[in-house]
């Protein structure tokens, strides 16, 4: 799989990090609340510059006390020392997880004590750093940017996040630094064994499940939600094969995420989803499927990773002969967009049905590599078209000339058609369902792409 580098925006509050974030990702994403019209909120988004795709993370402001109206670079004011450990923990976590750092400063206020504190931390790292002197909305502001070379970091760029001025030059420097690192875009390229990320809400039993799978108390387990902070990798042997288990921090709703270390724990969890092959979504049976469980499943699908739904704490429920079927129906209703994901019921604490977890994950993993012969795929499409005629617009009907599977992991199918404007998402879903009737692709998302043929090819 291809690893996408991470670029973190750091800096004190109100310097324009979120505005710059929106500029870099090319959308007005409201990173402080849920995006209207979507089923999940965002902590990070993808950007592309000069052919390189990378993640941009908006980290939130690093706050310290400064004298009122201060523009100087004096040491931290008396009374602020107690906040220094939190400042450093937050900045160091961001630095640790990122491949490159953009320090955003305010050109109107010059260097502040907070800028100096953050710069001191960044100078001690080996990560590439560029300084974005933001709010340079006038050409005369460019000269003021030179002051920030006094921070002793990387190159300084006068930028206007609102208007876009100088952002291209800054991105040139960031992309150059990422490419010079060597291998930043090819992590895990030679590491083809199964990697499983254990994800879910806080206190759903993820760490308990990990400890049970590896047979020892490798990670701290506590009834206090949020105990796990890091995405921890553990290699185990299963039937002679190596499997990497990745325990992650619980992913809360955006509005409930505490600033600082917990915020970056969530970023690590999302990165763990991207670098895994199969995600185990652990659901607390005592609470049922929640909105946040839906959001996390959405993150997994967005990354096109395979999914197994693990209903944990099954031993804590009073049950009758209908309990499992009723709960399964609830899962299917709430997570209706992943009907292909298998559901297993376990008790990590008691060890009930633990043996099913790795067996199911491995079966799902193998489905990622399934290939359908071209002749058989075209027959499936022809049968589907006979069963349900393609949509029309006026006198024109959608025609599907040819289909082929262009890759696996995840499976991607390319259909050659006459006119994309005739395509409706419901018919695309219909075709996917017909493919899954013959090849289930259990737990694995599939993608169908469409390419128009020229009229002379018809």
Protein backbone atom coordinates (compact mmCIF):
# COMPACT_ATOMS: atom_id res chain seq x y z
CA UNK A 1 0.00 0.00 0.00
CA UNK A 2 1.12 3.58 -0.56
CA UNK A 3 1.77 5.77 2.44
CA UNK A 4 0.75 9.41 2.12
CA UNK A 5 2.98 11.85 4.00
CA UNK A 6 1.51 14.05 6.72
CA UNK A 7 2.00 17.81 6.90
CA UNK A 8 0.98 19.40 10.22
CA UNK A 9 0.03 23.04 10.65
CA UNK A 10 1.19 24.27 14.06
CA UNK A 11 1.18 27.64 15.71
CA UNK A 12 -0.53 29.76 18.31
CA UNK A 13 -4.26 30.60 18.10
CA UNK A 14 -5.72 33.08 15.63
CA UNK A 15 -2.84 33.08 13.15
CA UNK A 16 -5.00 31.62 10.36
CA UNK A 17 -4.18 27.90 10.48
CA UNK A 18 -7.71 26.79 9.62
CA UNK A 19 -7.93 29.28 6.76
CA UNK A 20 -4.61 27.99 5.41
CA UNK A 21 -5.84 24.43 5.89
CA UNK A 22 -8.88 25.15 3.71
CA UNK A 23 -6.63 26.78 1.11
CA UNK A 24 -4.30 23.77 0.96
CA UNK A 25 -7.01 21.13 0.65
CA UNK A 26 -8.97 23.20 -1.86
CA UNK A 27 -12.25 23.18 0.05
CA UNK A 28 -13.93 25.29 2.70
CA UNK A 29 -13.95 22.51 5.26
CA UNK A 30 -15.25 23.67 8.63
CA UNK A 31 -12.76 21.73 10.72
CA UNK A 32 -14.25 22.89 14.01
CA UNK A 33 -17.64 21.28 13.46
CA UNK A 34 -19.32 18.66 11.33
CA UNK A 35 -19.45 19.29 7.60
CA UNK A 36 -23.05 19.85 6.40
CA UNK A 37 -24.27 17.04 4.19
CA UNK A 38 -21.80 14.42 5.36
CA UNK A 39 -22.00 11.66 7.93
CA UNK A 40 -18.63 12.29 9.51
CA UNK A 41 -16.46 15.10 10.73
CA UNK A 42 -12.88 15.84 9.71
CA UNK A 43 -9.55 16.17 11.49
CA UNK A 44 -7.48 16.00 8.35
CA UNK A 45 -7.87 16.07 4.59
CA UNK A 46 -5.84 15.32 1.50
CA UNK A 47 -3.99 17.87 -0.60
CA UNK A 48 -2.10 17.47 -3.85
CA UNK A 49 0.71 19.63 -5.18
CA UNK A 50 3.06 18.96 -8.07
CA UNK A 51 1.85 15.38 -8.34
CA UNK A 52 2.34 14.50 -4.66
CA UNK A 53 -0.68 13.65 -2.50
CA UNK A 54 -0.32 14.21 1.23
CA UNK A 55 -2.42 14.69 4.34
CA UNK A 56 -2.80 18.13 5.89
CA UNK A 57 -3.60 18.24 9.62
CA UNK A 58 -4.99 21.34 11.30
CA UNK A 59 -3.73 21.03 14.87
CA UNK A 60 -5.46 23.87 16.67
CA UNK A 61 -3.77 26.69 18.52
CA UNK A 62 -1.02 26.13 21.07
CA UNK A 63 -1.85 28.59 23.82
CA UNK A 64 0.46 30.21 26.36
CA UNK A 65 0.17 33.33 28.40
CA UNK A 66 1.71 36.47 26.97
CA UNK A 67 1.78 40.00 28.35
CA UNK A 68 -1.20 41.99 27.10
CA UNK A 69 -0.40 43.70 23.80
CA UNK A 70 3.07 42.16 23.68
CA UNK A 71 4.97 41.91 20.41
CA UNK A 72 8.34 41.18 21.93
CA UNK A 73 10.31 37.99 22.21
CA UNK A 74 10.75 38.13 25.96
CA UNK A 75 10.79 34.92 28.00
CA UNK A 76 7.44 33.54 29.09
CA UNK A 77 5.70 35.73 31.60
CA UNK A 78 5.56 34.76 35.24
CA UNK A 79 2.75 32.31 35.92
CA UNK A 80 2.89 30.61 32.51
CA UNK A 81 5.56 28.07 33.42
CA UNK A 82 2.95 25.56 34.59
CA UNK A 83 1.65 25.33 31.00
CA UNK A 84 5.02 24.59 29.39
CA UNK A 85 4.75 20.75 29.74
CA UNK A 86 1.35 20.76 27.99
CA UNK A 87 2.67 23.07 25.28
CA UNK A 88 5.63 20.80 24.62
CA UNK A 89 3.54 17.60 24.76
CA UNK A 90 1.14 18.94 22.17
CA UNK A 91 3.80 20.30 19.83
CA UNK A 92 6.07 17.26 20.16
CA UNK A 93 3.22 14.88 19.38
CA UNK A 94 2.40 16.85 16.25
CA UNK A 95 6.03 16.85 15.23
CA UNK A 96 6.42 13.14 15.89
CA UNK A 97 3.49 12.18 13.69
CA UNK A 98 4.18 14.56 10.80
CA UNK A 99 6.65 14.23 7.95
CA UNK A 100 6.86 18.00 7.52
CA UNK A 101 5.76 20.97 9.62
CA UNK A 102 4.34 24.33 8.60
CA UNK A 103 4.71 26.81 11.43
CA UNK A 104 2.04 29.46 10.91
CA UNK A 105 2.78 32.89 12.36
CA UNK A 106 1.03 36.26 12.17
CA UNK A 107 2.97 38.81 10.11
CA UNK A 108 0.93 41.63 11.66
CA UNK A 109 2.10 40.86 15.21
CA UNK A 110 5.67 39.82 14.51
CA UNK A 111 7.51 37.26 16.62
CA UNK A 112 5.79 36.52 19.94
CA UNK A 113 6.80 34.52 22.99
CA UNK A 114 4.53 31.68 21.84
CA UNK A 115 6.25 31.61 18.44
CA UNK A 116 9.63 31.41 20.17
CA UNK A 117 8.49 28.56 22.41
CA UNK A 118 7.18 26.50 19.51
CA UNK A 119 10.23 27.27 17.37
CA UNK A 120 12.52 26.07 20.18
CA UNK A 121 10.78 22.70 20.10
CA UNK A 122 10.90 22.46 16.31
CA UNK A 123 14.60 23.32 16.15
CA UNK A 124 15.41 20.18 18.13
CA UNK A 125 13.79 17.88 15.58
CA UNK A 126 15.02 16.49 12.30
CA UNK A 127 11.71 17.21 10.56
CA UNK A 128 11.45 19.61 7.65
CA UNK A 129 9.96 22.94 8.77
CA UNK A 130 8.81 25.93 6.76
CA UNK A 131 7.46 29.14 8.24
CA UNK A 132 4.25 30.60 6.80
CA UNK A 133 4.09 34.30 7.72
CA UNK A 134 0.34 34.63 7.26
CA UNK A 135 -1.88 37.66 6.70
CA UNK A 136 0.54 39.16 4.17
CA UNK A 137 -2.36 40.67 2.24
CA UNK A 138 -0.34 43.62 0.95
CA UNK A 139 2.89 43.61 -1.05
CA UNK A 140 4.59 45.75 1.59
CA UNK A 141 3.99 42.98 4.14
CA UNK A 142 6.51 40.77 2.34
CA UNK A 143 9.39 42.74 3.85
CA UNK A 144 8.03 42.15 7.36
CA UNK A 145 8.31 38.40 6.82
CA UNK A 146 12.11 38.56 7.03
CA UNK A 147 11.79 39.11 10.80
CA UNK A 148 10.74 35.47 11.20
CA UNK A 149 14.11 34.17 10.03
CA UNK A 150 15.02 35.07 13.62
CA UNK A 151 13.18 31.94 14.73
CA UNK A 152 16.07 29.89 13.32
CA UNK A 153 13.86 27.48 11.39
CA UNK A 154 13.44 26.77 7.68
CA UNK A 155 12.63 29.10 4.86
CA UNK A 156 10.08 31.85 5.54
CA UNK A 157 7.23 32.52 3.10
CA UNK A 158 4.95 35.55 3.22
CA UNK A 159 1.51 34.12 2.49
CA UNK A 160 -2.10 35.20 2.46
CA UNK A 161 -4.28 32.23 3.38
CA UNK A 162 -7.38 34.23 2.43
CA UNK A 163 -6.24 35.33 -1.02
CA UNK A 164 -3.71 32.56 -1.77
CA UNK A 165 -0.71 34.79 -2.27
CA UNK A 166 2.63 33.04 -1.70
CA UNK A 167 1.00 29.69 -0.93
CA UNK A 168 2.28 28.08 -4.13
CA UNK A 169 5.91 28.92 -3.35
CA UNK A 170 5.47 27.58 0.17
CA UNK A 171 4.00 24.31 -1.14
CA UNK A 172 6.89 23.94 -3.59
CA UNK A 173 9.24 23.95 -0.61
CA UNK A 174 7.10 21.51 1.39
CA UNK A 175 6.79 19.00 -1.47
CA UNK A 176 10.52 19.24 -2.23
CA UNK A 177 11.29 18.47 1.43
CA UNK A 178 8.93 15.48 1.46
CA UNK A 179 10.48 14.02 -1.67
CA UNK A 180 14.01 14.56 -0.39
CA UNK A 181 13.24 12.48 2.68
CA UNK A 182 13.27 9.39 0.49
CA UNK A 183 10.69 6.66 0.86
CA UNK A 184 8.13 8.94 2.49
CA UNK A 185 5.59 7.95 -0.08
CA UNK A 186 6.35 4.24 -0.10
CA UNK A 187 6.09 3.05 3.49
CA UNK A 188 5.27 -0.64 3.89
CA UNK A 189 5.95 -1.23 0.17
CA UNK A 190 7.91 -4.40 0.95
CA UNK A 191 5.80 -5.38 3.95
CA UNK A 192 2.99 -7.52 2.60
CA UNK A 193 1.74 -9.34 5.69
CA UNK A 194 -1.70 -8.71 7.16
CA UNK A 195 -2.04 -5.56 9.26
CA UNK A 196 -5.12 -5.17 11.44
CA UNK A 197 -6.16 -1.91 13.12
CA UNK A 198 -8.42 -2.17 16.15
CA UNK A 199 -10.60 0.95 16.11
CA UNK A 200 -13.67 2.25 17.86
CA UNK A 201 -15.00 4.63 20.46
CA UNK A 202 -13.24 5.07 23.81
CA UNK A 203 -13.72 2.26 26.33
CA UNK A 204 -15.23 -0.17 23.84
CA UNK A 205 -12.68 -2.81 24.83
CA UNK A 206 -10.07 -2.41 22.10
CA UNK A 207 -7.04 -2.85 24.35
CA UNK A 208 -8.66 -5.79 26.15
CA UNK A 209 -9.19 -7.44 22.78
CA UNK A 210 -5.57 -6.83 21.79
CA UNK A 211 -4.28 -8.33 25.04
CA UNK A 212 -6.47 -11.39 24.57
CA UNK A 213 -5.30 -11.89 20.97
CA UNK A 214 -1.60 -11.69 21.87
CA UNK A 215 -2.01 -13.66 25.10
CA UNK A 216 -0.48 -11.11 27.46
CA UNK A 217 -1.18 -7.69 29.00
CA UNK A 218 0.84 -5.73 26.47
CA UNK A 219 -1.19 -2.50 26.78
CA UNK A 220 -2.82 -0.73 29.71
CA UNK A 221 -6.49 -1.55 30.21
CA UNK A 222 -8.63 0.78 32.30
CA UNK A 223 -12.34 1.54 32.68
CA UNK A 224 -11.37 5.19 32.24
CA UNK A 225 -12.09 6.13 28.62
CA UNK A 226 -9.07 7.43 26.72
CA UNK A 227 -6.32 5.46 28.46
CA UNK A 228 -4.70 4.47 25.16
CA UNK A 229 -2.93 7.42 23.52
CA UNK A 230 -0.70 5.89 20.86
CA UNK A 231 -1.29 3.60 17.91
CA UNK A 232 0.72 0.60 19.14
CA UNK A 233 1.99 -2.10 16.74
CA UNK A 234 2.34 -5.69 17.94
CA UNK A 235 3.47 -8.57 15.72
CA UNK A 236 2.08 -12.05 16.38
CA UNK A 237 2.27 -15.41 14.65
CA UNK A 238 -1.00 -16.98 13.50
CA UNK A 239 -0.93 -20.34 11.69
CA UNK A 240 2.67 -19.67 10.68
CA UNK A 241 1.92 -16.20 9.28
CA UNK A 242 2.92 -12.82 10.70
CA UNK A 243 0.09 -10.47 11.61
CA UNK A 244 0.53 -6.90 12.88
CA UNK A 245 -2.09 -5.75 15.35
CA UNK A 246 -2.46 -1.98 15.78
CA UNK A 247 -4.23 -0.80 18.93
CA UNK A 248 -5.50 2.76 18.62
CA UNK A 249 -6.88 5.52 20.78
CA UNK A 250 -10.65 5.77 20.97
CA UNK A 251 -12.10 8.16 18.41
CA UNK A 252 -14.51 10.59 20.04
CA UNK A 253 -16.88 12.99 18.34
CA UNK A 254 -15.06 16.13 17.26
CA UNK A 255 -16.84 18.34 19.81
CA UNK A 256 -15.73 16.04 22.64
CA UNK A 257 -12.06 15.84 21.71
CA UNK A 258 -9.85 17.52 24.28
CA UNK A 259 -7.20 19.81 22.77
CA UNK A 260 -3.61 18.68 23.00
CA UNK A 261 -2.45 15.09 23.25
CA UNK A 262 -5.92 13.54 22.80
CA UNK A 263 -6.46 15.41 19.55
CA UNK A 264 -3.28 13.93 18.14
CA UNK A 265 -4.23 10.48 19.43
CA UNK A 266 -7.24 10.66 17.12
CA UNK A 267 -5.00 11.67 14.22
CA UNK A 268 -2.83 8.63 14.94
CA UNK A 269 -5.92 6.41 14.94
CA UNK A 270 -6.94 7.75 11.53
CA UNK A 271 -3.40 7.17 10.22
CA UNK A 272 -3.58 3.62 11.57
CA UNK A 273 -6.73 3.05 9.52
CA UNK A 274 -4.94 4.18 6.38
CA UNK A 275 -1.94 1.89 6.85
CA UNK A 276 -3.90 -1.22 7.81
CA UNK A 277 -5.41 -3.84 5.54
CA UNK A 278 -8.36 -4.74 7.74
CA UNK A 279 -10.00 -2.63 10.45
CA UNK A 280 -11.80 -4.23 13.38
CA UNK A 281 -14.56 -1.83 14.43
CA UNK A 282 -15.19 -2.65 18.09
CA UNK A 283 -18.73 -1.81 19.21
CA UNK A 284 -19.84 -1.81 22.85
CA UNK A 285 -22.81 -4.20 23.04
CA UNK A 286 -24.09 -2.49 26.19
CA UNK A 287 -24.47 0.81 24.30
CA UNK A 288 -25.38 -0.43 20.84
CA UNK A 289 -24.38 1.20 17.55
CA UNK A 290 -23.89 4.96 17.97
CA UNK A 291 -23.48 7.85 15.56
CA UNK A 292 -19.74 7.79 16.21
CA UNK A 293 -19.55 4.11 15.27
CA UNK A 294 -21.09 5.14 11.95
CA UNK A 295 -18.49 7.90 11.57
CA UNK A 296 -15.60 5.52 12.22
CA UNK A 297 -16.96 3.01 9.70
CA UNK A 298 -17.10 5.94 7.28
CA UNK A 299 -13.41 6.67 7.89
CA UNK A 300 -12.59 3.04 7.07
CA UNK A 301 -14.60 3.13 3.84
CA UNK A 302 -13.06 6.47 2.86
CA UNK A 303 -9.64 4.81 3.11
CA UNK A 304 -10.95 1.78 1.14
CA UNK A 305 -9.85 -0.62 3.87
CA UNK A 306 -11.62 -3.87 4.66
CA UNK A 307 -13.90 -3.99 7.68
CA UNK A 308 -14.97 -6.49 10.33
CA UNK A 309 -17.58 -5.39 12.88
CA UNK A 310 -16.79 -6.79 16.33
CA UNK A 311 -19.58 -6.53 18.90
CA UNK A 312 -17.77 -6.70 22.24
CA UNK A 313 -19.03 -7.16 25.86
CA UNK A 314 -21.60 -9.64 24.61
CA UNK A 315 -21.41 -11.39 27.98
CA UNK A 316 -22.78 -8.26 29.71
CA UNK A 317 -26.19 -8.50 28.02
CA UNK A 318 -29.18 -10.40 29.30
CA UNK A 319 -30.06 -12.61 26.33
CA UNK A 320 -32.84 -14.77 24.98
CA UNK A 321 -33.14 -16.70 21.72
CA UNK A 322 -33.89 -13.49 19.79
CA UNK A 323 -31.19 -11.19 21.19
CA UNK A 324 -28.46 -11.83 18.63
CA UNK A 325 -30.76 -11.55 15.60
CA UNK A 326 -32.31 -8.37 16.97
CA UNK A 327 -28.90 -6.83 17.63
CA UNK A 328 -27.63 -7.90 14.21
CA UNK A 329 -30.64 -6.24 12.56
CA UNK A 330 -29.81 -3.05 14.46
CA UNK A 331 -26.20 -3.18 13.28
CA UNK A 332 -27.27 -3.67 9.67
CA UNK A 333 -29.74 -0.79 9.88
CA UNK A 334 -27.29 1.70 11.43
CA UNK A 335 -24.33 0.60 9.28
CA UNK A 336 -26.38 0.12 6.14
CA UNK A 337 -23.58 1.48 3.92
CA UNK A 338 -21.34 -1.52 4.75
CA UNK A 339 -23.73 -4.47 4.29
CA UNK A 340 -20.81 -6.60 3.13
CA UNK A 341 -18.94 -6.35 6.48
CA UNK A 342 -19.14 -9.52 8.61
CA UNK A 343 -20.38 -9.13 12.19
CA UNK A 344 -19.05 -11.25 15.06
CA UNK A 345 -20.13 -11.24 18.71
CA UNK A 346 -17.43 -11.65 21.36
CA UNK A 347 -16.44 -10.99 24.93
CA UNK A 348 -12.82 -9.88 24.98
CA UNK A 349 -12.82 -10.00 28.79
CA UNK A 350 -14.09 -13.58 29.00
CA UNK A 351 -12.43 -14.77 25.78
CA UNK A 352 -15.73 -15.82 24.19
CA UNK A 353 -15.42 -16.47 20.44
CA UNK A 354 -12.03 -14.74 20.33
CA UNK A 355 -10.84 -17.39 17.88
CA UNK A 356 -13.26 -15.98 15.28
CA UNK A 357 -11.59 -12.56 15.19
CA UNK A 358 -8.34 -13.38 13.39
CA UNK A 359 -9.97 -16.08 11.26
CA UNK A 360 -12.56 -13.59 10.00
CA UNK A 361 -10.01 -10.82 9.48
CA UNK A 362 -7.77 -13.16 7.48
CA UNK A 363 -10.69 -14.33 5.32
CA UNK A 364 -11.65 -10.73 4.62
CA UNK A 365 -8.02 -9.89 3.83
CA UNK A 366 -7.88 -12.63 1.21
CA UNK A 367 -11.02 -11.19 -0.41
CA UNK A 368 -9.11 -7.96 -1.11
CA UNK A 369 -7.00 -9.85 -3.64
CA UNK A 370 -9.87 -11.55 -5.51
CA UNK A 371 -9.78 -11.08 -9.29
CA UNK A 372 -12.69 -11.74 -11.62
CA UNK A 373 -11.76 -13.00 -15.10
CA UNK A 374 -12.64 -10.42 -17.73
CA UNK A 375 -14.97 -12.74 -19.63
CA UNK A 376 -16.89 -13.61 -16.47
CA UNK A 377 -17.09 -9.97 -15.38
CA UNK A 378 -18.58 -8.96 -18.74
CA UNK A 379 -21.11 -11.77 -18.46
CA UNK A 380 -22.14 -10.49 -15.02
CA UNK A 381 -22.63 -7.00 -16.47
CA UNK A 382 -24.62 -8.30 -19.44
CA UNK A 383 -26.87 -10.33 -17.14
CA UNK A 384 -27.38 -7.26 -14.96
CA UNK A 385 -28.36 -5.15 -17.98
CA UNK A 386 -30.90 -7.77 -19.04
CA UNK A 387 -32.33 -7.90 -15.54
CA UNK A 388 -32.54 -4.12 -15.20
CA UNK A 389 -32.20 -1.96 -18.31
CA UNK A 390 -29.72 0.93 -18.02
CA UNK A 391 -31.16 4.41 -17.41
CA UNK A 392 -32.15 6.75 -20.21
CA UNK A 393 -32.31 10.50 -20.74
CA UNK A 394 -34.69 11.53 -23.48
CA UNK A 395 -33.97 9.20 -26.39
CA UNK A 396 -30.47 8.26 -25.23
CA UNK A 397 -29.79 5.15 -23.15
CA UNK A 398 -26.68 4.33 -21.15
CA UNK A 399 -24.56 1.76 -22.98
CA UNK A 400 -21.90 -0.37 -21.29
CA UNK A 401 -19.47 -1.66 -23.91
CA UNK A 402 -16.82 -3.45 -21.90
CA UNK A 403 -15.76 -4.13 -18.29
CA UNK A 404 -12.46 -5.13 -16.76
CA UNK A 405 -10.91 -5.35 -13.29
CA UNK A 406 -7.96 -3.01 -13.37
CA UNK A 407 -6.55 -3.82 -9.92
CA UNK A 408 -7.11 -5.54 -6.60
CA UNK A 409 -6.50 -4.44 -3.00
CA UNK A 410 -9.02 -2.93 -3.11
CA UNK A 411 -10.80 -4.32 -6.19
CA UNK A 412 -11.37 -1.64 -8.83
CA UNK A 413 -13.48 -2.21 -11.95
CA UNK A 414 -13.44 -0.05 -15.07
CA UNK A 415 -16.53 0.09 -17.28
CA UNK A 416 -16.41 1.69 -20.71
CA UNK A 417 -19.67 3.54 -21.40
CA UNK A 418 -21.09 5.94 -23.97
CA UNK A 419 -22.03 8.95 -21.76
CA UNK A 420 -21.40 9.57 -18.06
CA UNK A 421 -24.31 11.98 -17.95
CA UNK A 422 -26.66 9.02 -18.40
CA UNK A 423 -25.26 7.28 -15.33
CA UNK A 424 -27.19 7.37 -12.05
CA UNK A 425 -25.71 6.41 -8.68
CA UNK A 426 -28.55 3.96 -8.08
CA UNK A 427 -27.60 2.01 -11.21
CA UNK A 428 -23.96 2.00 -10.11
CA UNK A 429 -25.08 0.51 -6.79
CA UNK A 430 -27.20 -2.03 -8.68
CA UNK A 431 -24.16 -3.14 -10.70
CA UNK A 432 -22.07 -3.45 -7.54
CA UNK A 433 -24.73 -5.64 -5.96
CA UNK A 434 -24.83 -7.89 -9.02
CA UNK A 435 -21.05 -8.30 -8.85
CA UNK A 436 -21.25 -9.13 -5.15
CA UNK A 437 -23.90 -11.77 -5.84
CA UNK A 438 -21.24 -13.76 -7.73
CA UNK A 439 -18.16 -12.64 -5.80
CA UNK A 440 -19.09 -11.52 -2.31
CA UNK A 441 -15.86 -9.61 -1.57
CA UNK A 442 -16.72 -10.13 2.08
CA UNK A 443 -15.75 -7.16 4.22
CA UNK A 444 -14.09 -5.40 1.31
CA UNK A 445 -15.18 -2.21 -0.46
CA UNK A 446 -15.04 -2.24 -4.24
CA UNK A 447 -14.81 0.70 -6.62
CA UNK A 448 -16.44 1.00 -10.03
CA UNK A 449 -15.03 3.63 -12.37
CA UNK A 450 -16.51 4.68 -15.69
CA UNK A 451 -14.75 5.88 -18.83
CA UNK A 452 -16.48 7.38 -21.84
CA UNK A 453 -15.72 6.07 -25.30
CA UNK A 454 -15.48 8.50 -28.19
CA UNK A 455 -18.41 8.45 -30.60
CA UNK A 456 -16.33 6.90 -33.34
CA UNK A 457 -15.57 4.00 -30.99
CA UNK A 458 -19.24 3.22 -30.52
